[in-house]
Amino acid sequence: MPLDPVPLREIRDAPAFRSRAEPRNQMRVMGITAGVLVVIIAAFALYHRFDAAGQAARMAFKPPPTPINVAVAEMHPVPKFLSGIGTLQAVRQVTVAPEVGGLITQIMFTPGGTVNAGDTLVQLNDALERADLANFQALARVAGANLDRDKALSARDFQSRQAVDQTQSLRDQAAAGMAKTEAQIAQKLIRAPFAGQLGVAQVNVGGYVNPGGAMVTLTDLSQLWANFTLPEKVAAQIKVGQAVEIRADAYPGRVFKARVTAIEPQISQQTRTILVQATLDNPDHALLPGMFANVSVILPEAAPAVQLPETAVDYSLYGDSVFVVGEDGKDDKGQPVLKVTRVYVKTGDRFDGKVEILSGLKGDERVAASGQLRLNNGAPVMILPGNALDTKPGVSRY
């Protein structure tokens, strides 16, 4: 009888077949692995060779010098000052108000206009007081005539001295009534207490105003006070008569001169500050009461110190630094090669766009004043022609 064919799967699964196939499979895997390793090693060697060539080319390349502006560290006296924040106030400023109440019958001023001392502003109804004045004037005339008659009769012993005294008293009472009524009439006519500029009218004709009711403001703008505060630690440095510089946001770049005229003798327990008052002339009426003021009290100048433009200092969390420009040999043409070195410095006061250098830099050294973001320690530089920054000493601004 013919034999049935054996399935291929059963032949592969037979122990004899597996024992002959496994060594061949292992050799194949090892061969593939070795080939892959050879390829990786060859690629690494090729990359290393090309990378070494690239590094050599980069080392041979010299970057062009960075163009910069420079500033020279100069020695000048440093202006010292005490800075404060204050408010302007008029030396003479009032809200015009009546002593007595009454009906407004006439307004004799122009809102916003200027007046002289004694000019009439508002008239209140004084009809009743004028009637009383006429009555007292009539009584005074009668009393005066009776007094003259009684004195003549008394001189001839036809009238007693007691009658003369009574007549005299009646005349004096009439005169007192006249004076009182005239004062009441004067209270009904409101006048400017001093020369100045009026504000906006707060009353109208026909309106009733109470005693002390606001009618209009009057301000003398020719002279102002600047009230400001300073910390208590500077109490020994502030004196009456010191020069003061005042700056207002409304006039950028303009400086107003003043003098310290008063110092509060008490320290505020809430803020531990001293209230100081400076007086300044305001002939052109540029400044107005209520304005915010930046105040600088000028102190005697300190000893000369190194100064630089603020733009020359690189401020960072690691400290303030500058790039000092120095020579590093000469090039093929005999020209000096310039390089920068980062030097950390200690800064002091800032004033007029400049900064005081307390340590780390000497006078006459050149530093980079622009392009610091493109510089690093040892970078070659090229100085641009001209000096874009002025380093002359100035007056404090902050």
Protein backbone atom coordinates (compact mmCIF):
# COMPACT_ATOMS: atom_id res chain seq x y z
CA MET A 1 0.00 0.00 0.00
CA PRO A 2 1.34 3.48 -0.76
CA LEU A 3 2.40 5.62 2.19
CA ASP A 4 0.55 8.88 2.98
CA PRO A 5 2.67 12.04 2.48
CA VAL A 6 3.94 13.60 5.74
CA PRO A 7 2.92 17.30 6.24
CA LEU A 8 5.76 19.86 5.99
CA ARG A 9 4.91 21.32 9.40
CA GLU A 10 5.41 18.00 11.02
CA ILE A 11 8.80 17.63 9.31
CA ARG A 12 9.95 21.10 10.63
CA ASP A 13 8.78 20.21 14.09
CA ALA A 14 10.65 16.96 14.14
CA PRO A 15 13.55 16.93 16.66
CA ALA A 16 16.11 15.87 14.07
CA PHE A 17 15.19 18.71 11.75
CA ARG A 18 15.31 21.37 14.50
CA SER A 19 18.74 20.21 15.63
CA ARG A 20 20.14 20.78 12.10
CA ALA A 21 18.35 24.21 11.45
CA GLU A 22 19.08 26.10 14.70
CA PRO A 23 22.87 26.45 14.20
CA ARG A 24 22.32 27.85 10.68
CA ASN A 25 19.85 30.50 12.02
CA GLN A 26 22.24 31.59 14.78
CA MET A 27 25.08 32.02 12.30
CA ARG A 28 22.84 34.12 10.07
CA VAL A 29 21.84 36.48 12.97
CA MET A 30 25.46 36.87 14.06
CA GLY A 31 26.48 37.72 10.53
CA ILE A 32 23.81 40.41 10.20
CA THR A 33 24.76 41.90 13.59
CA ALA A 34 28.42 42.03 12.66
CA GLY A 35 27.59 43.75 9.41
CA VAL A 36 25.51 46.41 11.17
CA LEU A 37 28.34 47.04 13.64
CA VAL A 38 30.81 47.47 10.83
CA VAL A 39 28.54 50.01 9.13
CA ILE A 40 28.09 52.00 12.39
CA ILE A 41 31.83 52.03 13.08
CA ALA A 42 32.57 53.17 9.54
CA ALA A 43 29.94 55.95 9.75
CA PHE A 44 31.33 57.16 13.11
CA ALA A 45 34.87 57.23 11.74
CA LEU A 46 33.73 59.15 8.67
CA TYR A 47 31.78 61.68 10.80
CA HIS A 48 34.78 62.19 13.09
CA ARG A 49 37.01 62.86 10.11
CA PHE A 50 34.62 65.44 8.62
CA ASP A 51 33.98 67.06 12.04
CA ALA A 52 37.71 67.48 12.66
CA ALA A 53 38.06 69.12 9.27
CA GLY A 54 35.12 71.47 10.08
CA GLN A 55 36.59 72.42 13.42
CA ALA A 56 39.90 73.22 11.80
CA ALA A 57 38.13 75.41 9.25
CA ARG A 58 36.17 77.21 11.96
CA MET A 59 39.33 77.78 14.00
CA ALA A 60 41.01 79.18 10.96
CA PHE A 61 38.09 81.63 10.38
CA LYS A 62 38.34 84.94 12.24
CA PRO A 63 35.05 86.84 12.80
CA PRO A 64 35.06 90.48 11.70
CA PRO A 65 35.36 93.11 14.43
CA THR A 66 32.09 94.37 15.93
CA PRO A 67 31.54 98.11 15.30
CA ILE A 68 30.89 100.01 18.54
CA ASN A 69 30.75 103.51 19.98
CA VAL A 70 33.01 104.20 22.92
CA ALA A 71 32.86 106.48 25.92
CA VAL A 72 35.82 107.63 27.98
CA ALA A 73 35.59 107.30 31.76
CA GLU A 74 36.06 110.85 33.06
CA MET A 75 36.73 112.24 36.52
CA HIS A 76 34.34 115.01 37.56
CA PRO A 77 32.74 116.20 40.81
CA VAL A 78 29.50 114.31 41.35
CA PRO A 79 26.47 116.49 42.12
CA LYS A 80 24.70 115.29 45.25
CA PHE A 81 21.02 115.84 45.92
CA LEU A 82 18.06 114.71 47.99
CA SER A 83 15.05 113.67 45.94
CA GLY A 84 11.46 113.99 47.05
CA ILE A 85 7.92 114.05 45.74
CA GLY A 86 5.77 117.08 46.46
CA THR A 87 2.76 119.20 45.56
CA LEU A 88 2.63 122.84 44.55
CA GLN A 89 0.55 125.29 46.56
CA ALA A 90 -0.07 128.99 46.08
CA VAL A 91 1.37 131.27 48.76
CA ARG A 92 -1.86 133.28 48.63
CA GLN A 93 -5.03 131.48 47.63
CA VAL A 94 -8.55 131.83 49.05
CA THR A 95 -12.10 130.90 48.26
CA VAL A 96 -13.98 134.18 48.26
CA ALA A 97 -16.99 133.93 50.60
CA PRO A 98 -19.29 136.46 52.36
CA GLU A 99 -19.35 137.06 56.10
CA VAL A 100 -23.14 137.33 56.03
CA GLY A 101 -25.85 135.69 53.96
CA GLY A 102 -27.90 137.49 51.39
CA LEU A 103 -29.43 137.65 47.94
CA ILE A 104 -26.97 138.28 45.11
CA THR A 105 -27.99 141.37 43.17
CA GLN A 106 -24.88 141.93 41.03
CA ILE A 107 -21.76 140.02 39.92
CA MET A 108 -18.97 142.38 38.93
CA PHE A 109 -16.16 140.01 37.91
CA THR A 110 -15.28 137.90 34.87
CA PRO A 111 -14.60 134.23 35.62
CA GLY A 112 -10.94 133.46 34.98
CA GLY A 113 -9.97 137.11 34.89
CA THR A 114 -7.42 138.99 36.94
CA VAL A 115 -8.28 141.54 39.64
CA ASN A 116 -6.42 143.96 41.87
CA ALA A 117 -6.64 144.16 45.63
CA GLY A 118 -9.89 145.89 46.66
CA ASP A 119 -11.75 145.35 43.39
CA THR A 120 -15.49 144.69 43.87
CA LEU A 121 -16.63 141.18 43.03
CA VAL A 122 -20.18 140.54 44.26
CA GLN A 123 -22.96 142.78 45.60
CA LEU A 124 -25.51 141.38 48.04
CA ASN A 125 -28.90 142.98 48.70
CA ASP A 126 -28.29 145.80 51.23
CA ALA A 127 -31.56 147.76 50.86
CA LEU A 128 -32.56 147.19 54.50
CA GLU A 129 -29.17 148.29 55.83
CA ARG A 130 -29.22 151.43 53.69
CA ALA A 131 -32.67 152.31 55.10
CA ASP A 132 -31.32 151.85 58.62
CA LEU A 133 -28.37 154.07 57.75
CA ALA A 134 -30.69 156.84 56.57
CA ASN A 135 -32.64 156.57 59.85
CA PHE A 136 -29.49 156.81 61.99
CA GLN A 137 -28.22 159.73 59.91
CA ALA A 138 -31.48 161.63 60.60
CA LEU A 139 -31.26 160.85 64.32
CA ALA A 140 -27.67 162.02 64.36
CA ARG A 141 -28.58 165.34 62.76
CA VAL A 142 -31.36 165.99 65.29
CA ALA A 143 -29.18 164.92 68.18
CA GLY A 144 -26.35 167.15 66.97
CA ALA A 145 -28.63 170.19 66.71
CA ASN A 146 -30.10 169.57 70.18
CA LEU A 147 -26.62 169.14 71.64
CA ASP A 148 -25.46 172.49 70.21
CA ARG A 149 -28.57 174.22 71.59
CA ASP A 150 -28.22 172.62 75.05
CA LYS A 151 -24.55 173.55 75.23
CA ALA A 152 -25.38 177.20 74.44
CA LEU A 153 -28.11 177.29 77.08
CA SER A 154 -25.90 175.56 79.62
CA ALA A 155 -23.22 178.19 79.08
CA ARG A 156 -25.74 180.85 80.17
CA ASP A 157 -27.01 178.66 83.03
CA PHE A 158 -30.38 178.15 81.33
CA GLN A 159 -29.87 174.41 80.93
CA SER A 160 -28.59 171.80 83.36
CA ARG A 161 -25.45 169.79 82.76
CA GLN A 162 -27.49 166.58 83.02
CA ALA A 163 -29.61 167.58 80.02
CA VAL A 164 -26.48 168.25 77.99
CA ASP A 165 -25.12 164.80 78.83
CA GLN A 166 -28.35 163.14 77.79
CA THR A 167 -28.35 164.96 74.47
CA GLN A 168 -24.70 164.00 73.97
CA SER A 169 -25.61 160.33 74.60
CA LEU A 170 -28.38 160.45 71.99
CA ARG A 171 -26.00 161.84 69.39
CA ASP A 172 -23.38 159.20 70.23
CA GLN A 173 -25.97 156.42 69.92
CA ALA A 174 -26.97 157.71 66.49
CA ALA A 175 -23.32 157.83 65.42
CA ALA A 176 -22.78 154.27 66.66
CA GLY A 177 -25.86 153.11 64.74
CA MET A 178 -24.48 154.75 61.62
CA ALA A 179 -21.08 153.04 62.01
CA LYS A 180 -22.70 149.63 62.58
CA THR A 181 -24.96 149.98 59.57
CA GLU A 182 -22.10 151.14 57.35
CA ALA A 183 -20.12 148.06 58.41
CA GLN A 184 -23.10 145.84 57.52
CA ILE A 185 -23.36 147.53 54.13
CA ALA A 186 -19.63 146.95 53.57
CA GLN A 187 -20.12 143.25 54.37
CA LYS A 188 -22.69 143.05 51.60
CA LEU A 189 -20.13 144.29 49.04
CA ILE A 190 -17.53 141.52 48.49
CA ARG A 191 -14.06 142.76 47.45
CA ALA A 192 -10.85 141.01 46.36
CA PRO A 193 -8.51 140.70 49.37
CA PHE A 194 -5.42 140.72 47.12
CA ALA A 195 -4.42 140.80 43.47
CA GLY A 196 -4.65 137.55 41.60
CA GLN A 197 -6.51 135.39 39.12
CA LEU A 198 -10.11 134.36 39.61
CA GLY A 199 -11.48 130.90 39.04
CA VAL A 200 -14.86 129.66 37.87
CA ALA A 201 -17.92 131.46 39.23
CA GLN A 202 -19.91 129.33 41.65
CA VAL A 203 -22.88 131.72 42.11
CA ASN A 204 -25.42 133.53 39.93
CA VAL A 205 -27.42 136.73 40.17
CA GLY A 206 -30.63 136.11 42.06
CA GLY A 207 -29.20 133.23 44.07
CA TYR A 208 -28.97 133.23 47.83
CA VAL A 209 -25.59 132.68 49.44
CA ASN A 210 -25.10 131.58 53.04
CA PRO A 211 -22.39 132.97 55.30
CA GLY A 212 -19.11 131.35 54.25
CA GLY A 213 -20.60 130.01 51.00
CA ALA A 214 -18.09 129.65 48.14
CA MET A 215 -18.47 132.18 45.34
CA VAL A 216 -15.18 132.06 43.42
CA THR A 217 -11.51 131.19 44.03
CA LEU A 218 -8.79 133.82 43.97
CA THR A 219 -5.16 132.76 43.47
CA ASP A 220 -1.95 134.74 43.38
CA LEU A 221 0.20 132.76 40.92
CA SER A 222 3.29 134.95 41.21
CA GLN A 223 4.76 132.86 44.04
CA LEU A 224 4.27 129.21 44.98
CA TRP A 225 5.18 126.76 47.70
CA ALA A 226 6.47 123.27 46.99
CA ASN A 227 5.61 121.00 49.92
CA PHE A 228 7.51 117.68 49.86
CA THR A 229 8.75 115.00 52.22
CA LEU A 230 12.18 113.49 52.82
CA PRO A 231 13.18 110.45 54.91
CA GLU A 232 14.18 111.15 58.49
CA LYS A 233 17.75 109.87 57.94
CA VAL A 234 18.59 113.06 55.97
CA ALA A 235 17.45 115.41 58.74
CA ALA A 236 21.03 116.55 59.37
CA GLN A 237 21.60 117.39 55.68
CA ILE A 238 18.60 119.64 55.07
CA LYS A 239 18.86 123.34 55.97
CA VAL A 240 16.79 126.48 55.38
CA GLY A 241 18.16 128.40 52.41
CA GLN A 242 19.39 125.41 50.37
CA ALA A 243 18.87 125.55 46.61
CA VAL A 244 16.08 123.39 45.20
CA GLU A 245 15.29 122.27 41.66
CA ILE A 246 11.67 121.54 40.75
CA ARG A 247 10.44 119.68 37.69
CA ALA A 248 6.84 119.25 36.58
CA ASP A 249 5.44 116.67 34.15
CA ALA A 250 3.69 119.45 32.27
CA TYR A 251 7.06 120.99 31.26
CA PRO A 252 9.54 118.22 30.38
CA GLY A 253 13.15 119.37 30.49
CA ARG A 254 12.40 122.65 32.27
CA VAL A 255 13.91 123.29 35.70
CA PHE A 256 12.39 125.76 38.19
CA LYS A 257 14.64 127.22 40.86
CA ALA A 258 13.51 127.48 44.49
CA ARG A 259 14.84 127.77 48.05
CA VAL A 260 14.05 125.86 51.21
CA THR A 261 12.09 128.28 53.42
CA ALA A 262 10.57 126.08 56.14
CA ILE A 263 11.20 122.68 57.73
CA GLU A 264 8.60 120.96 59.89
CA PRO A 265 10.18 120.50 63.35
CA GLN A 266 8.35 117.20 63.91
CA ILE A 267 8.88 113.82 62.26
CA SER A 268 5.72 112.09 61.05
CA GLN A 269 5.12 109.04 63.23
CA GLN A 270 3.18 107.31 60.45
CA THR A 271 5.70 107.70 57.60
CA ARG A 272 8.91 108.69 59.45
CA THR A 273 9.43 111.55 57.02
CA ILE A 274 10.14 115.28 57.29
CA LEU A 275 7.84 117.85 55.70
CA VAL A 276 9.87 120.50 53.86
CA GLN A 277 8.61 123.63 52.13
CA ALA A 278 10.40 125.47 49.32
CA THR A 279 9.37 128.80 47.83
CA LEU A 280 9.72 129.63 44.14
CA ASP A 281 8.85 132.56 41.92
CA ASN A 282 6.41 131.92 39.09
CA PRO A 283 6.47 135.12 37.04
CA ASP A 284 5.06 133.57 33.85
CA HIS A 285 2.35 131.66 35.75
CA ALA A 286 3.52 128.41 34.13
CA LEU A 287 3.08 126.33 37.28
CA LEU A 288 -0.31 125.93 38.91
CA PRO A 289 -1.27 125.00 42.48
CA GLY A 290 -1.97 121.31 42.90
CA MET A 291 0.60 120.19 40.35
CA PHE A 292 2.73 117.12 41.06
CA ALA A 293 6.40 118.11 41.51
CA ASN A 294 9.71 116.22 41.42
CA VAL A 295 11.93 118.02 43.91
CA SER A 296 15.73 117.82 44.23
CA VAL A 297 17.50 119.55 47.10
CA ILE A 298 21.03 120.37 45.95
CA LEU A 299 23.81 119.36 48.38
CA PRO A 300 27.49 120.35 48.23
CA GLU A 301 29.38 118.53 45.50
CA ALA A 302 31.36 115.45 46.48
CA ALA A 303 34.95 114.65 45.46
CA PRO A 304 35.61 113.89 41.78
CA ALA A 305 34.65 110.38 40.74
CA VAL A 306 34.60 108.26 37.59
CA GLN A 307 31.54 108.91 35.44
CA LEU A 308 30.11 107.07 32.44
CA PRO A 309 26.97 107.36 30.30
CA GLU A 310 24.25 105.07 31.60
CA THR A 311 24.16 103.28 28.25
CA ALA A 312 27.74 102.06 28.77
CA VAL A 313 26.80 99.95 31.80
CA ASP A 314 25.36 96.47 31.33
CA TYR A 315 22.91 95.77 34.17
CA SER A 316 22.19 92.12 34.97
CA LEU A 317 21.36 89.79 37.85
CA TYR A 318 25.03 88.81 38.07
CA GLY A 319 26.13 92.40 38.64
CA ASP A 320 26.79 95.59 36.71
CA SER A 321 29.60 95.43 34.17
CA VAL A 322 31.26 97.31 31.32
CA PHE A 323 33.31 96.23 28.30
CA VAL A 324 36.73 97.88 28.48
CA VAL A 325 38.41 98.42 25.11
CA GLY A 326 42.10 97.49 24.99
CA GLU A 327 44.84 96.73 22.44
CA ASP A 328 45.91 93.15 21.71
CA GLY A 329 48.92 93.44 19.42
CA LYS A 330 48.93 94.63 15.83
CA ASP A 331 47.59 93.21 12.58
CA ASP A 332 49.42 92.60 9.30
CA LYS A 333 49.13 96.28 8.39
CA GLY A 334 50.62 97.45 11.69
CA GLN A 335 47.29 98.68 13.04
CA PRO A 336 46.40 97.92 16.69
CA VAL A 337 43.99 95.07 17.23
CA LEU A 338 41.21 96.12 19.62
CA LYS A 339 39.44 93.68 21.92
CA VAL A 340 37.01 94.12 24.81
CA THR A 341 37.23 92.72 28.31
CA ARG A 342 34.21 92.46 30.58
CA VAL A 343 34.87 94.22 33.91
CA TYR A 344 32.39 94.19 36.79
CA VAL A 345 31.87 97.58 38.45
CA LYS A 346 30.01 99.07 41.39
CA THR A 347 27.70 101.93 40.45
CA GLY A 348 26.60 104.90 42.53
CA ASP A 349 24.30 107.86 41.87
CA ARG A 350 22.71 108.52 38.50
CA PHE A 351 22.29 112.04 37.17
CA ASP A 352 21.66 113.74 33.85
CA GLY A 353 22.03 110.51 31.83
CA LYS A 354 25.28 109.51 33.56
CA VAL A 355 26.19 107.13 36.34
CA GLU A 356 28.86 107.30 39.03
CA ILE A 357 31.36 104.39 39.08
CA LEU A 358 32.48 103.66 42.64
CA SER A 359 34.92 100.84 41.88
CA GLY A 360 36.19 98.58 39.11
CA LEU A 361 37.15 101.29 36.62
CA LYS A 362 39.76 104.02 36.42
CA GLY A 363 39.68 107.36 34.70
CA ASP A 364 40.56 107.72 30.98
CA GLU A 365 39.66 104.09 30.21
CA ARG A 366 37.61 103.50 27.07
CA VAL A 367 34.44 101.40 27.34
CA ALA A 368 31.87 100.23 24.83
CA ALA A 369 28.87 102.55 24.83
CA SER A 370 26.79 100.67 22.25
CA GLY A 371 26.46 97.17 20.82
CA GLN A 372 27.00 95.36 24.13
CA LEU A 373 24.50 92.64 23.19
CA ARG A 374 26.82 91.49 20.39
CA LEU A 375 29.94 91.46 22.55
CA ASN A 376 31.55 88.82 24.68
CA ASN A 377 34.77 88.64 26.62
CA GLY A 378 37.73 88.93 24.23
CA ALA A 379 35.66 89.86 21.17
CA PRO A 380 37.41 92.00 18.51
CA VAL A 381 35.86 95.43 18.00
CA MET A 382 36.11 98.39 15.69
CA ILE A 383 35.52 101.92 16.98
CA LEU A 384 33.09 103.93 14.87
CA PRO A 385 34.23 107.46 13.96
CA GLY A 386 32.93 110.24 16.18
CA ASN A 387 31.48 110.03 19.65
CA ALA A 388 27.73 109.59 19.73
CA LEU A 389 27.48 110.14 23.47
CA ASP A 390 28.34 113.22 25.48
CA THR A 391 30.04 112.60 28.80
CA LYS A 392 30.29 116.14 30.07
CA PRO A 393 29.21 116.66 33.69
CA GLY A 394 25.70 117.96 34.28
CA VAL A 395 23.24 118.88 36.94
CA SER A 396 21.29 116.19 38.71
CA ARG A 397 17.86 115.23 37.43
CA TYR A 398 16.84 112.32 39.60
